[in-house]
Amino acid sequence: MMKSHFFAILGRMKFIRRWGLMHNTQEENIQEHTLQTAMIAYQLCLMSNTYYGGHTDPREAAVLAMYHDVAEIYTGDMPTPVKYFSEDMHRTYAQVEILAQQRLIRLLPPELRDAYKPMICAAEDNPVWPFVKAADTLSAYLKCVQEVAAGNREFKDARETIGAKLKDMAMPEVERFMQEYVPSFQLSLDEMNKTNDNEK
């Protein structure tokens, strides 16, 4: 029986810090971000099916989101200004990301690799990918909202830039999520509990 480092390597996601160039009031790692992205992707697909006549699989989106950043175990979370510093930089990073994905696949027993390749190496080919990408962007936006609400102006411009990106997606599910769920991220726990008490 083959011994595999696959899940031990995935466990290192909690050591990969996001927002490396920014001052954070609360640090975030890619494992935390991945869980939130999976939860939001599930919700976006559910909203699409419930309100907008969609026919997507929320569970498939959630699983795809779980693996969307695993290459960063090897590459790290490269800050956006660095990743897009030049065309050469962006192209080189994309090539390194592919190599990292392939390396992860090779950690698995051969008979299981084909089951993981679509999630790790070809996620963007999946019909639910737009919902995962939107969820990924929403997770980043929520981080900015919380940091600004905590008085950290470092994230103010990022919040505006990412908010504009979400608007440009022109997805009704994203717009509805922004209206229904995002405002609560600016509230304290006591404020949310008080609202819940009033709704009983």
Protein backbone atom coordinates (compact mmCIF):
# COMPACT_ATOMS: atom_id res chain seq x y z
CA MET A 1 0.00 0.00 0.00
CA MET A 2 1.34 3.41 -1.03
CA LYS A 3 1.92 6.04 1.66
CA SER A 4 0.78 9.51 0.57
CA HIS A 5 1.67 12.99 1.81
CA PHE A 6 -1.40 14.50 0.07
CA PHE A 7 -3.50 15.35 3.12
CA ALA A 8 -0.51 16.27 5.25
CA ILE A 9 0.46 18.78 2.57
CA LEU A 10 -3.13 20.09 2.39
CA GLY A 11 -2.94 20.56 6.15
CA ARG A 12 -0.25 23.16 5.52
CA MET A 13 -2.87 25.51 4.06
CA LYS A 14 -3.35 26.96 7.52
CA PHE A 15 0.23 28.26 7.42
CA ILE A 16 -0.20 30.23 4.17
CA ARG A 17 -1.09 33.79 5.10
CA ARG A 18 -3.24 35.94 2.83
CA TRP A 19 -2.96 39.70 2.27
CA GLY A 20 0.81 39.62 2.72
CA LEU A 21 1.41 43.27 1.81
CA MET A 22 -1.41 44.61 3.99
CA HIS A 23 -1.62 45.46 7.67
CA ASN A 24 -4.32 43.16 9.10
CA THR A 25 -6.24 43.55 12.35
CA GLN A 26 -7.00 39.82 12.03
CA GLU A 27 -4.74 37.61 9.93
CA GLU A 28 -6.35 35.20 7.49
CA ASN A 29 -4.90 31.99 6.05
CA ILE A 30 -5.92 30.16 2.90
CA GLN A 31 -7.58 27.35 4.83
CA GLU A 32 -9.97 29.82 6.47
CA HIS A 33 -10.55 31.57 3.16
CA THR A 34 -11.21 28.26 1.40
CA LEU A 35 -13.91 27.22 3.88
CA GLN A 36 -15.68 30.57 3.53
CA THR A 37 -15.42 30.40 -0.27
CA ALA A 38 -16.93 26.91 -0.30
CA MET A 39 -19.84 28.03 1.90
CA ILE A 40 -20.53 31.06 -0.28
CA ALA A 41 -20.23 29.07 -3.53
CA TYR A 42 -22.83 26.63 -2.22
CA GLN A 43 -25.14 29.53 -1.35
CA LEU A 44 -24.72 31.27 -4.70
CA CYS A 45 -25.66 28.11 -6.59
CA LEU A 46 -28.61 27.55 -4.27
CA MET A 47 -29.78 31.12 -4.89
CA SER A 48 -29.35 30.65 -8.64
CA ASN A 49 -31.54 27.54 -8.58
CA THR A 50 -34.14 28.99 -6.19
CA TYR A 51 -34.57 32.52 -7.50
CA TYR A 52 -33.20 32.64 -11.05
CA GLY A 53 -34.07 29.33 -12.72
CA GLY A 54 -30.56 27.93 -12.50
CA HIS A 55 -29.66 24.24 -12.64
CA THR A 56 -26.28 24.11 -10.91
CA ASP A 57 -25.08 21.65 -8.27
CA PRO A 58 -24.31 23.55 -5.03
CA ARG A 59 -22.37 20.59 -3.63
CA GLU A 60 -20.15 20.42 -6.70
CA ALA A 61 -19.41 24.13 -6.37
CA ALA A 62 -18.56 23.73 -2.69
CA VAL A 63 -16.13 20.87 -3.36
CA LEU A 64 -14.53 22.75 -6.26
CA ALA A 65 -14.07 25.75 -3.97
CA MET A 66 -12.42 23.55 -1.34
CA TYR A 67 -9.56 22.90 -3.76
CA HIS A 68 -9.42 26.20 -5.66
CA ASP A 69 -6.34 27.54 -3.85
CA VAL A 70 -4.43 24.35 -2.99
CA ALA A 71 -1.58 25.24 -5.37
CA GLU A 72 -0.75 28.12 -3.02
CA ILE A 73 0.68 25.56 -0.58
CA TYR A 74 3.69 25.63 -2.90
CA THR A 75 3.41 29.08 -4.48
CA GLY A 76 2.19 31.07 -1.49
CA ASP A 77 -0.56 33.67 -1.80
CA MET A 78 1.06 36.10 -4.20
CA PRO A 79 -0.26 39.66 -3.65
CA THR A 80 -2.28 40.96 -6.58
CA PRO A 81 0.06 43.93 -7.30
CA VAL A 82 2.97 41.49 -7.60
CA LYS A 83 1.06 38.87 -9.62
CA TYR A 84 -0.01 41.48 -12.17
CA PHE A 85 3.17 43.60 -12.03
CA SER A 86 3.85 42.70 -15.67
CA GLU A 87 2.62 40.31 -18.34
CA ASP A 88 5.76 38.23 -17.88
CA MET A 89 5.18 38.00 -14.13
CA HIS A 90 1.55 36.96 -14.59
CA ARG A 91 2.44 34.38 -17.23
CA THR A 92 5.28 32.94 -15.15
CA TYR A 93 3.10 32.69 -12.05
CA ALA A 94 0.43 30.86 -14.07
CA GLN A 95 3.05 28.34 -15.22
CA VAL A 96 4.31 27.82 -11.67
CA GLU A 97 0.73 27.33 -10.50
CA ILE A 98 0.23 24.55 -13.08
CA LEU A 99 3.41 22.83 -11.91
CA ALA A 100 2.22 23.08 -8.29
CA GLN A 101 -1.15 21.54 -9.19
CA GLN A 102 0.55 18.68 -11.02
CA ARG A 103 2.86 18.08 -8.08
CA LEU A 104 -0.13 17.76 -5.74
CA ILE A 105 -1.80 15.26 -8.06
CA ARG A 106 1.34 13.10 -8.09
CA LEU A 107 1.09 12.77 -4.29
CA LEU A 108 -2.07 10.72 -4.70
CA PRO A 109 -2.27 6.98 -5.44
CA PRO A 110 -2.40 6.58 -9.26
CA GLU A 111 -5.90 5.09 -9.20
CA LEU A 112 -7.29 8.24 -7.50
CA ARG A 113 -5.58 10.93 -9.53
CA ASP A 114 -8.22 11.19 -12.26
CA ALA A 115 -10.86 11.95 -9.61
CA TYR A 116 -8.89 14.96 -8.38
CA LYS A 117 -7.53 16.35 -11.66
CA PRO A 118 -10.79 18.12 -12.65
CA MET A 119 -10.89 19.94 -9.29
CA ILE A 120 -7.21 20.82 -8.98
CA CYS A 121 -5.97 21.11 -12.57
CA ALA A 122 -9.06 22.04 -14.61
CA ALA A 123 -11.41 23.85 -12.22
CA GLU A 124 -12.12 26.66 -14.69
CA ASP A 125 -13.57 24.16 -17.19
CA ASN A 126 -16.37 23.24 -14.79
CA PRO A 127 -19.77 24.92 -15.45
CA VAL A 128 -20.00 25.91 -11.77
CA TRP A 129 -16.66 27.75 -11.87
CA PRO A 130 -18.23 31.23 -12.28
CA PHE A 131 -19.99 30.71 -8.93
CA VAL A 132 -16.74 29.59 -7.30
CA LYS A 133 -14.91 32.61 -8.73
CA ALA A 134 -17.67 34.89 -7.50
CA ALA A 135 -17.53 33.28 -4.06
CA ASP A 136 -13.75 33.69 -3.99
CA THR A 137 -14.14 37.39 -4.78
CA LEU A 138 -16.94 37.80 -2.24
CA SER A 139 -14.75 36.24 0.44
CA ALA A 140 -12.03 38.80 -0.32
CA TYR A 141 -14.62 41.59 -0.24
CA LEU A 142 -15.93 40.43 3.14
CA LYS A 143 -12.39 40.51 4.52
CA CYS A 144 -12.10 44.12 3.37
CA VAL A 145 -15.49 45.03 4.86
CA GLN A 146 -14.53 43.58 8.23
CA GLU A 147 -11.12 45.24 8.28
CA VAL A 148 -12.58 48.65 7.41
CA ALA A 149 -15.34 48.17 10.01
CA ALA A 150 -12.56 47.51 12.54
CA GLY A 151 -11.06 50.90 11.70
CA ASN A 152 -8.33 49.62 9.38
CA ARG A 153 -8.16 52.08 6.47
CA GLU A 154 -5.51 49.87 4.82
CA PHE A 155 -8.34 47.89 3.19
CA LYS A 156 -10.46 50.85 2.06
CA ASP A 157 -9.19 51.00 -1.54
CA ALA A 158 -9.21 47.20 -1.83
CA ARG A 159 -12.85 47.17 -0.73
CA GLU A 160 -13.78 49.63 -3.48
CA THR A 161 -11.76 47.81 -6.16
CA ILE A 162 -13.14 44.37 -5.27
CA GLY A 163 -16.66 45.78 -4.92
CA ALA A 164 -16.42 47.15 -8.47
CA LYS A 165 -15.20 43.76 -9.68
CA LEU A 166 -18.23 42.09 -8.10
CA LYS A 167 -20.54 44.58 -9.76
CA ASP A 168 -18.90 43.95 -13.14
CA MET A 169 -19.71 40.24 -12.80
CA ALA A 170 -23.36 41.20 -13.35
CA MET A 171 -24.57 38.11 -11.50
CA PRO A 172 -27.96 38.51 -9.80
CA GLU A 173 -26.92 35.96 -7.17
CA VAL A 174 -23.96 38.12 -6.20
CA GLU A 175 -26.08 41.25 -6.05
CA ARG A 176 -28.63 39.51 -3.83
CA PHE A 177 -25.88 38.13 -1.58
CA MET A 178 -24.46 41.64 -1.24
CA GLN A 179 -27.85 42.98 -0.19
CA GLU A 180 -28.91 40.17 2.14
CA TYR A 181 -25.73 38.97 3.81
CA VAL A 182 -22.91 41.50 3.53
CA PRO A 183 -24.31 44.25 5.83
CA SER A 184 -24.13 41.93 8.84
CA PHE A 185 -20.35 41.71 8.50
CA GLN A 186 -20.16 45.32 9.68
CA LEU A 187 -22.01 44.56 12.92
CA SER A 188 -20.75 43.38 16.28
CA LEU A 189 -22.00 40.10 17.75
CA ASP A 190 -24.16 42.05 20.23
CA GLU A 191 -25.71 44.04 17.39
CA MET A 192 -26.53 40.87 15.46
CA ASN A 193 -28.00 39.21 18.56
CA LYS A 194 -30.12 42.30 19.26
CA THR A 195 -31.47 42.18 15.69
CA ASN A 196 -32.31 38.48 16.09
CA ASP A 197 -34.13 39.18 19.36
CA ASN A 198 -36.23 41.85 17.65
CA GLU A 199 -37.18 39.44 14.87
CA LYS A 200 -38.64 36.82 17.21
